[in-house]
């Protein structure tokens, strides 16, 4: 027959080592506790990595979309610049009213139409818009003021990409360039 100790000490399973640290006499179940703790820690790490990779993917898409719309805007700016280089002031300007939109209609200069669809095999919702604004005209120092004038333009390029549903408004980039074009004055 077993006899129980009358005044059982709650610290019977603990022995003090010579260094003063507590050491367990009975270590049954410790491996399971350590294993469950390690699995929980690794699970948390896995969840964190999945969340980080999703955020990285969204950031990458955003950067690609921003670069894409910027490239569209830059292409539209190049079309505006090309129009200023190849077309005469008389064809572009109707009058010399300052700060006006003088983008030639598509019937006169076909590549200057607004909201041009970009033929892209993966996305059909990308457009570019070249525009020209006449700012002012003044005489140019050193040139015959009766024959030549400086025409000041603001060339603008706009790139636009519609985002998938529930992602907000379209991604938009805009670039501008100040241009001085010296032209011969002709009577109108």
Protein backbone atom coordinates (compact mmCIF):
# COMPACT_ATOMS: atom_id res chain seq x y z
CA UNK A 1 0.00 0.00 0.00
CA UNK A 2 1.25 3.42 -0.96
CA UNK A 3 1.47 6.10 1.57
CA UNK A 4 1.17 9.75 0.71
CA UNK A 5 3.34 12.40 2.13
CA UNK A 6 1.36 14.49 4.45
CA UNK A 7 2.74 17.91 3.69
CA UNK A 8 3.50 17.59 -0.04
CA UNK A 9 5.60 20.43 -1.33
CA UNK A 10 4.27 21.91 -4.62
CA UNK A 11 7.87 22.24 -5.79
CA UNK A 12 8.64 18.51 -5.55
CA UNK A 13 9.13 18.28 -9.34
CA UNK A 14 11.71 21.07 -9.25
CA UNK A 15 15.28 20.58 -8.15
CA UNK A 16 17.73 23.36 -7.67
CA UNK A 17 20.96 22.82 -9.44
CA UNK A 18 24.29 23.84 -7.97
CA UNK A 19 24.21 27.03 -10.04
CA UNK A 20 20.90 28.06 -8.51
CA UNK A 21 18.77 27.48 -11.64
CA UNK A 22 15.55 25.57 -11.48
CA UNK A 23 15.59 22.20 -13.26
CA UNK A 24 12.56 19.94 -13.79
CA UNK A 25 12.74 16.39 -12.53
CA UNK A 26 9.92 15.20 -14.76
CA UNK A 27 10.28 16.44 -18.37
CA UNK A 28 7.41 14.46 -19.86
CA UNK A 29 5.45 16.52 -22.47
CA UNK A 30 8.15 19.17 -22.93
CA UNK A 31 8.94 17.98 -26.46
CA UNK A 32 5.28 18.42 -27.46
CA UNK A 33 5.15 21.93 -25.99
CA UNK A 34 8.32 22.91 -27.82
CA UNK A 35 7.07 21.36 -31.08
CA UNK A 36 3.72 23.16 -30.91
CA UNK A 37 5.51 26.44 -30.14
CA UNK A 38 7.86 25.97 -33.10
CA UNK A 39 4.96 25.12 -35.47
CA UNK A 40 3.01 28.19 -34.29
CA UNK A 41 6.04 30.40 -34.83
CA UNK A 42 6.69 29.01 -38.31
CA UNK A 43 2.97 29.40 -39.18
CA UNK A 44 3.08 33.06 -38.18
CA UNK A 45 6.20 33.53 -40.28
CA UNK A 46 4.47 31.88 -43.26
CA UNK A 47 1.40 34.11 -42.95
CA UNK A 48 3.61 37.19 -42.73
CA UNK A 49 5.54 36.15 -45.87
CA UNK A 50 2.32 35.60 -47.83
CA UNK A 51 1.06 39.04 -46.83
CA UNK A 52 4.37 40.65 -47.79
CA UNK A 53 4.43 38.99 -51.20
CA UNK A 54 0.87 40.24 -51.91
CA UNK A 55 1.88 43.79 -50.99
CA UNK A 56 4.99 43.54 -53.15
CA UNK A 57 2.86 42.39 -56.10
CA UNK A 58 0.51 45.37 -55.70
CA UNK A 59 3.44 47.78 -55.49
CA UNK A 60 4.99 46.28 -58.62
CA UNK A 61 1.71 46.65 -60.53
CA UNK A 62 1.42 50.25 -59.41
CA UNK A 63 4.96 51.09 -60.53
CA UNK A 64 4.43 49.37 -63.90
CA UNK A 65 1.16 51.26 -64.42
CA UNK A 66 2.82 54.57 -63.51
CA UNK A 67 5.70 53.94 -65.91
CA UNK A 68 3.28 52.88 -68.63
CA UNK A 69 1.15 56.02 -68.35
CA UNK A 70 4.29 58.18 -68.20
CA UNK A 71 5.54 56.56 -71.43
CA UNK A 72 2.16 57.24 -73.05
CA UNK A 73 2.31 60.88 -71.96
CA UNK A 74 5.85 61.19 -73.26
CA UNK A 75 4.77 59.72 -76.61
CA UNK A 76 1.93 62.24 -76.79
CA UNK A 77 4.40 65.04 -76.00
CA UNK A 78 6.61 63.86 -78.86
CA UNK A 79 3.60 64.09 -81.21
CA UNK A 80 2.95 67.66 -80.02
CA UNK A 81 6.62 68.54 -80.53
CA UNK A 82 6.59 66.95 -84.00
CA UNK A 83 3.54 69.04 -84.91
CA UNK A 84 5.34 72.23 -83.88
CA UNK A 85 8.40 71.25 -85.90
CA UNK A 86 6.58 70.32 -89.09
CA UNK A 87 3.51 72.57 -89.22
CA UNK A 88 3.60 76.31 -89.84
CA UNK A 89 2.36 78.82 -87.30
CA UNK A 90 -0.35 79.85 -89.77
CA UNK A 91 -1.72 76.32 -89.83
CA UNK A 92 -1.63 76.00 -86.04
CA UNK A 93 -2.78 79.49 -85.00
CA UNK A 94 -6.20 80.89 -85.86
CA UNK A 95 -5.44 84.17 -84.10
CA UNK A 96 -2.83 85.44 -81.65
CA UNK A 97 -5.08 85.30 -78.60
CA UNK A 98 -2.92 84.44 -75.59
CA UNK A 99 -3.31 81.30 -73.46
CA UNK A 100 -5.51 79.37 -75.84
CA UNK A 101 -5.67 75.71 -76.83
CA UNK A 102 -4.44 75.57 -80.43
CA UNK A 103 -4.32 71.81 -80.90
CA UNK A 104 -5.00 71.29 -84.62
CA UNK A 105 -8.11 69.24 -85.38
CA UNK A 106 -7.62 65.65 -86.51
CA UNK A 107 -8.90 66.63 -89.97
CA UNK A 108 -5.83 68.88 -90.46
CA UNK A 109 -3.21 66.88 -88.51
CA UNK A 110 -4.44 63.29 -88.01
CA UNK A 111 -1.89 62.29 -85.38
CA UNK A 112 -3.02 65.14 -83.08
CA UNK A 113 -6.46 63.70 -82.31
CA UNK A 114 -7.33 63.38 -78.64
CA UNK A 115 -7.88 60.11 -76.78
CA UNK A 116 -6.00 57.97 -79.28
CA UNK A 117 -6.32 54.30 -78.40
CA UNK A 118 -2.99 52.55 -78.04
CA UNK A 119 -2.91 49.15 -79.73
CA UNK A 120 -1.61 46.93 -76.98
CA UNK A 121 -2.07 43.19 -76.95
CA UNK A 122 -2.67 42.97 -73.21
CA UNK A 123 -4.62 46.15 -72.44
CA UNK A 124 -7.21 47.94 -74.54
CA UNK A 125 -7.92 50.78 -72.12
CA UNK A 126 -4.85 52.94 -72.74
CA UNK A 127 -5.04 56.31 -74.49
CA UNK A 128 -2.77 59.22 -75.27
CA UNK A 129 -3.66 62.83 -76.02
CA UNK A 130 -1.26 65.39 -77.53
CA UNK A 131 -2.16 69.07 -77.04
CA UNK A 132 -0.73 72.49 -77.86
CA UNK A 133 -1.34 75.77 -76.07
CA UNK A 134 -0.34 79.12 -77.52
CA UNK A 135 1.05 81.33 -74.77
CA UNK A 136 2.31 84.50 -76.46
CA UNK A 137 4.27 85.97 -79.36
CA UNK A 138 6.98 88.58 -79.03
CA UNK A 139 9.77 90.05 -81.02
CA UNK A 140 13.04 88.19 -80.74
CA UNK A 141 16.16 90.16 -79.83
CA UNK A 142 18.69 90.21 -82.66
CA UNK A 143 16.14 89.39 -85.36
CA UNK A 144 14.43 91.80 -87.73
CA UNK A 145 11.37 92.72 -85.67
CA UNK A 146 9.25 93.45 -88.74
CA UNK A 147 9.84 90.03 -90.27
CA UNK A 148 10.33 87.54 -87.42
CA UNK A 149 8.57 86.85 -84.14
CA UNK A 150 9.00 84.33 -81.36
CA UNK A 151 5.93 82.18 -80.82
CA UNK A 152 5.72 80.59 -77.40
CA UNK A 153 3.88 77.32 -76.96
CA UNK A 154 3.24 74.83 -74.23
CA UNK A 155 3.33 71.31 -75.67
CA UNK A 156 1.49 68.79 -73.54
CA UNK A 157 1.20 65.02 -73.54
CA UNK A 158 -1.38 63.10 -71.55
CA UNK A 159 -1.34 59.34 -70.92
CA UNK A 160 -4.32 57.54 -69.44
CA UNK A 161 -4.94 53.95 -68.40
CA UNK A 162 -8.24 52.77 -66.99
CA UNK A 163 -7.88 50.60 -63.92
CA UNK A 164 -9.80 47.40 -63.27
CA UNK A 165 -13.17 47.77 -61.52
CA UNK A 166 -13.10 48.77 -57.86
CA UNK A 167 -9.56 50.12 -58.08
CA UNK A 168 -10.37 53.83 -58.24
CA UNK A 169 -10.14 56.23 -61.15
CA UNK A 170 -7.83 55.94 -64.14
CA UNK A 171 -4.05 56.15 -63.83
CA UNK A 172 -2.96 59.43 -65.43
CA UNK A 173 0.37 61.03 -66.33
CA UNK A 174 0.96 64.41 -67.87
CA UNK A 175 4.16 65.98 -69.20
CA UNK A 176 4.65 69.46 -70.62
CA UNK A 177 7.39 71.28 -72.48
CA UNK A 178 7.83 75.01 -73.07
CA UNK A 179 8.68 75.69 -76.73
CA UNK A 180 9.80 78.84 -78.52
CA UNK A 181 9.31 78.74 -82.26
CA UNK A 182 10.71 81.59 -84.31
CA UNK A 183 8.61 82.25 -87.39
CA UNK A 184 8.34 84.72 -90.16
CA UNK A 185 5.53 87.26 -89.81
CA UNK A 186 3.07 87.13 -92.66
CA UNK A 187 0.03 89.28 -93.10
CA UNK A 188 -3.19 87.54 -92.25
